[in-house]
C-alpha atoms as a PDB file:
ATOM      1  CA  MET A   1      -7.931 -12.826   0.233  1.00  0.00           C
ATOM      2  CA  THR A   2      -5.622  -9.894   0.421  1.00  0.00           C
ATOM      3  CA  THR A   3      -6.129  -7.373   3.105  1.00  0.00           C
ATOM      4  CA  ILE A   4      -4.735  -3.965   2.454  1.00  0.00           C
ATOM      5  CA  ARG A   5      -4.294  -1.553   5.540  1.00  0.00           C
ATOM      6  CA  PHE A   6      -3.788   2.155   5.355  1.00  0.00           C
ATOM      7  CA  PHE A   7      -2.748   3.510   8.657  1.00  0.00           C
ATOM      8  CA  GLN A   8      -3.104   7.428   9.110  1.00  0.00           C
ATOM      9  CA  LYS A   9      -2.556  10.139  11.703  1.00  0.00           C
ATOM     10  CA  ASP A  10      -4.785  13.406  11.067  1.00  0.00           C
ATOM     11  CA  GLU A  11      -5.067  13.288   7.159  1.00  0.00           C
ATOM     12  CA  PHE A  12      -1.696  11.636   6.374  1.00  0.00           C
ATOM     13  CA  ILE A  13      -1.414   8.169   5.320  1.00  0.00           C
ATOM     14  CA  THR A  14       1.852   6.794   7.632  1.00  0.00           C
ATOM     15  CA  ALA A  15       1.835   3.209   6.840  1.00  0.00           C
ATOM     16  CA  VAL A  16       0.711   0.891   4.220  1.00  0.00           C
ATOM     17  CA  GLU A  17       0.377  -3.001   5.263  1.00  0.00           C
ATOM     18  CA  CYS A  18      -0.663  -5.423   2.607  1.00  0.00           C
ATOM     19  CA  GLU A  19      -1.025  -9.302   3.481  1.00  0.00           C
ATOM     20  CA  GLY A  20      -2.323 -12.458   1.531  1.00  0.00           C
ATOM     21  CA  HIS A  21      -2.965 -13.689  -1.623  1.00  0.00           C
ATOM     22  CA  THR A  22      -6.317 -12.668  -3.643  1.00  0.00           C
ATOM     23  CA  GLY A  23      -7.268 -16.043  -4.603  1.00  0.00           C
ATOM     24  CA  TYR A  24      -8.864 -14.625  -7.732  1.00  0.00           C
ATOM     25  CA  ASP A  25      -7.122 -17.345  -9.890  1.00  0.00           C
ATOM     26  CA  VAL A  26      -3.844 -19.709  -9.649  1.00  0.00           C
ATOM     27  CA  GLU A  27      -0.691 -18.098  -9.367  1.00  0.00           C
ATOM     28  CA  GLY A  28       0.835 -16.543 -12.728  1.00  0.00           C
ATOM     29  CA  PHE A  29      -2.995 -16.000 -13.700  1.00  0.00           C
ATOM     30  CA  ASP A  30      -4.367 -13.698 -10.776  1.00  0.00           C
ATOM     31  CA  VAL A  31      -5.012 -10.477 -12.480  1.00  0.00           C
ATOM     32  CA  VAL A  32      -6.589  -8.948  -9.216  1.00  0.00           C
ATOM     33  CA  CYS A  33      -3.376  -9.809  -7.325  1.00  0.00           C
ATOM     34  CA  ALA A  34      -1.073  -8.813  -9.864  1.00  0.00           C
ATOM     35  CA  ALA A  35      -2.758  -5.129 -10.169  1.00  0.00           C
ATOM     36  CA  LEU A  36      -2.952  -4.827  -6.598  1.00  0.00           C
ATOM     37  CA  SER A  37       0.634  -5.795  -6.174  1.00  0.00           C
ATOM     38  CA  SER A  38       1.930  -3.549  -8.939  1.00  0.00           C
ATOM     39  CA  ILE A  39       0.320  -0.444  -7.485  1.00  0.00           C
ATOM     40  CA  VAL A  40       1.352  -0.950  -4.109  1.00  0.00           C
ATOM     41  CA  GLN A  41       4.986  -1.706  -5.132  1.00  0.00           C
ATOM     42  CA  THR A  42       4.929   1.210  -7.485  1.00  0.00           C
ATOM     43  CA  ALA A  43       3.951   3.473  -4.495  1.00  0.00           C
ATOM     44  CA  VAL A  44       6.560   1.969  -2.675  1.00  0.00           C
ATOM     45  CA  LEU A  45       9.166   2.739  -5.344  1.00  0.00           C
ATOM     46  CA  GLY A  46       7.928   6.301  -5.571  1.00  0.00           C
ATOM     47  CA  LEU A  47       8.433   7.050  -1.927  1.00  0.00           C
ATOM     48  CA  MET A  48      12.130   5.671  -2.070  1.00  0.00           C
ATOM     49  CA  GLN A  49      13.254   6.510  -5.499  1.00  0.00           C
ATOM     50  CA  VAL A  50      11.415   9.617  -6.583  1.00  0.00           C
ATOM     51  CA  ALA A  51      10.701  11.192  -3.223  1.00  0.00           C
ATOM     52  CA  GLY A  52      14.055  10.222  -1.992  1.00  0.00           C
ATOM     53  CA  ILE A  53      12.001   8.959   1.657  1.00  0.00           C
ATOM     54  CA  ASN A  54      14.012   6.514   3.725  1.00  0.00           C
ATOM     55  CA  VAL A  55      10.879   4.411   4.595  1.00  0.00           C
ATOM     56  CA  GLU A  56      11.061   1.325   6.832  1.00  0.00           C
ATOM     57  CA  TYR A  57      10.223  -1.638   4.195  1.00  0.00           C
ATOM     58  CA  LYS A  58       9.363  -5.173   5.042  1.00  0.00           C
ATOM     59  CA  VAL A  59       8.402  -7.823   2.287  1.00  0.00           C
ATOM     60  CA  SER A  60       7.788 -11.559   1.935  1.00  0.00           C
ATOM     61  CA  GLU A  61       6.974 -12.575  -1.525  1.00  0.00           C
ATOM     62  CA  ALA A  62       5.910 -16.227  -0.316  1.00  0.00           C
ATOM     63  CA  GLU A  63       3.609 -15.014   2.186  1.00  0.00           C
ATOM     64  CA  GLY A  64       2.260 -12.268   0.230  1.00  0.00           C
ATOM     65  CA  TYR A  65       3.217  -9.490   2.906  1.00  0.00           C
ATOM     66  CA  LEU A  66       4.334  -6.070   2.412  1.00  0.00           C
ATOM     67  CA  PHE A  67       4.500  -3.176   4.876  1.00  0.00           C
ATOM     68  CA  VAL A  68       6.034   0.606   4.353  1.00  0.00           C
ATOM     69  CA  LYS A  69       5.972   3.058   7.012  1.00  0.00           C
ATOM     70  CA  LEU A  70       7.215   6.623   6.734  1.00  0.00           C
ATOM     71  CA  PRO A  71       9.577   8.142   9.087  1.00  0.00           C
ATOM     72  CA  GLN A  72       8.468  10.637  11.529  1.00  0.00           C
ATOM     73  CA  ASN A  73      10.885  13.086  10.801  1.00  0.00           C
ATOM     74  CA  MET A  74      10.159  14.308   7.374  1.00  0.00           C
ATOM     75  CA  THR A  75      10.496  17.592   5.889  1.00  0.00           C
ATOM     76  CA  GLU A  76       7.470  19.459   4.714  1.00  0.00           C
ATOM     77  CA  THR A  77       8.225  18.448   0.961  1.00  0.00           C
ATOM     78  CA  GLU A  78       8.619  15.049   2.140  1.00  0.00           C
ATOM     79  CA  LYS A  79       5.439  14.790   3.905  1.00  0.00           C
ATOM     80  CA  HIS A  80       3.684  16.454   0.825  1.00  0.00           C
ATOM     81  CA  ASP A  81       5.246  14.134  -1.651  1.00  0.00           C
ATOM     82  CA  SER A  82       4.461  11.043   0.410  1.00  0.00           C
ATOM     83  CA  ASN A  83       0.778  12.028   0.732  1.00  0.00           C
ATOM     84  CA  VAL A  84       0.429  12.520  -2.731  1.00  0.00           C
ATOM     85  CA  ILE A  85       1.926   9.146  -3.571  1.00  0.00           C
ATOM     86  CA  LEU A  86      -0.265   7.185  -0.625  1.00  0.00           C
ATOM     87  CA  LYS A  87      -3.386   8.894  -1.389  1.00  0.00           C
ATOM     88  CA  THR A  88      -3.135   7.976  -5.145  1.00  0.00           C
ATOM     89  CA  LEU A  89      -2.390   4.523  -3.973  1.00  0.00           C
ATOM     90  CA  PHE A  90      -5.471   4.453  -1.855  1.00  0.00           C
ATOM     91  CA  LEU A  91      -7.435   5.549  -4.673  1.00  0.00           C
ATOM     92  CA  GLY A  92      -6.223   2.849  -6.730  1.00  0.00           C
ATOM     93  CA  ALA A  93      -6.698   0.312  -4.105  1.00  0.00           C
ATOM     94  CA  SER A  94     -10.225   1.772  -3.475  1.00  0.00           C
ATOM     95  CA  ASP A  95     -11.168   1.240  -7.258  1.00  0.00           C
ATOM     96  CA  LEU A  96      -9.834  -2.454  -7.212  1.00  0.00           C
ATOM     97  CA  TYR A  97     -11.938  -2.796  -4.012  1.00  0.00           C
ATOM     98  CA  GLU A  98     -14.813  -1.603  -5.606  1.00  0.00           C
ATOM     99  CA  GLY A  99     -14.498  -4.120  -8.215  1.00  0.00           C
ATOM    100  CA  PHE A 100     -13.216  -7.038  -6.535  1.00  0.00           C
ATOM    101  CA  SER A 101     -14.482  -6.709  -2.888  1.00  0.00           C
ATOM    102  CA  ASP A 102     -14.668 -10.734  -2.637  1.00  0.00           C
ATOM    103  CA  TYR A 103     -11.059 -11.012  -3.168  1.00  0.00           C
ATOM    104  CA  ILE A 104      -9.851  -7.610  -1.497  1.00  0.00           C
ATOM    105  CA  ASN A 105     -10.085  -6.397   2.077  1.00  0.00           C
ATOM    106  CA  LEU A 106      -9.439  -2.657   2.479  1.00  0.00           C
ATOM    107  CA  GLU A 107      -9.220  -1.167   5.645  1.00  0.00           C
ATOM    108  CA  VAL A 108      -8.310   2.288   7.192  1.00  0.00           C
ATOM    109  CA  LYS A 109      -6.866   2.547  10.695  1.00  0.00           C
ATOM    110  CA  ASN A 110      -6.357   5.683  12.495  1.00  0.00           C
ATOM    111  CA  ASN A 111      -3.212   4.951  14.484  1.00  0.00           C
ATOM    112  CA  VAL A 112       0.287   4.211  13.340  1.00  0.00           C
ATOM    113  CA  HIS A 113       1.058   0.629  13.039  1.00  0.00           C
END
């Protein structure tokens, strides 16, 4: 099972952590894992390369682990852009969770990681 955690402060998502493999199918054929990984990685790329935000980023493909955390000293534009990107990620992850809750665990935490 993959657990995806969204950390928030007020109405802003401040960090996202993804860990584990979904186990929907064998490696290379696991469409649920591929879908979730794709939207998470796309959001991270959006934060870094489109919004230009210098995020804290850790990844281990072997362990199925990804962590991204926003810096605290963002401009208002960066806050807005990151919130749009991460709320969109949340909607995508929520949609996958609705269809595949046996393979994905979705959590929202009210404290920064």
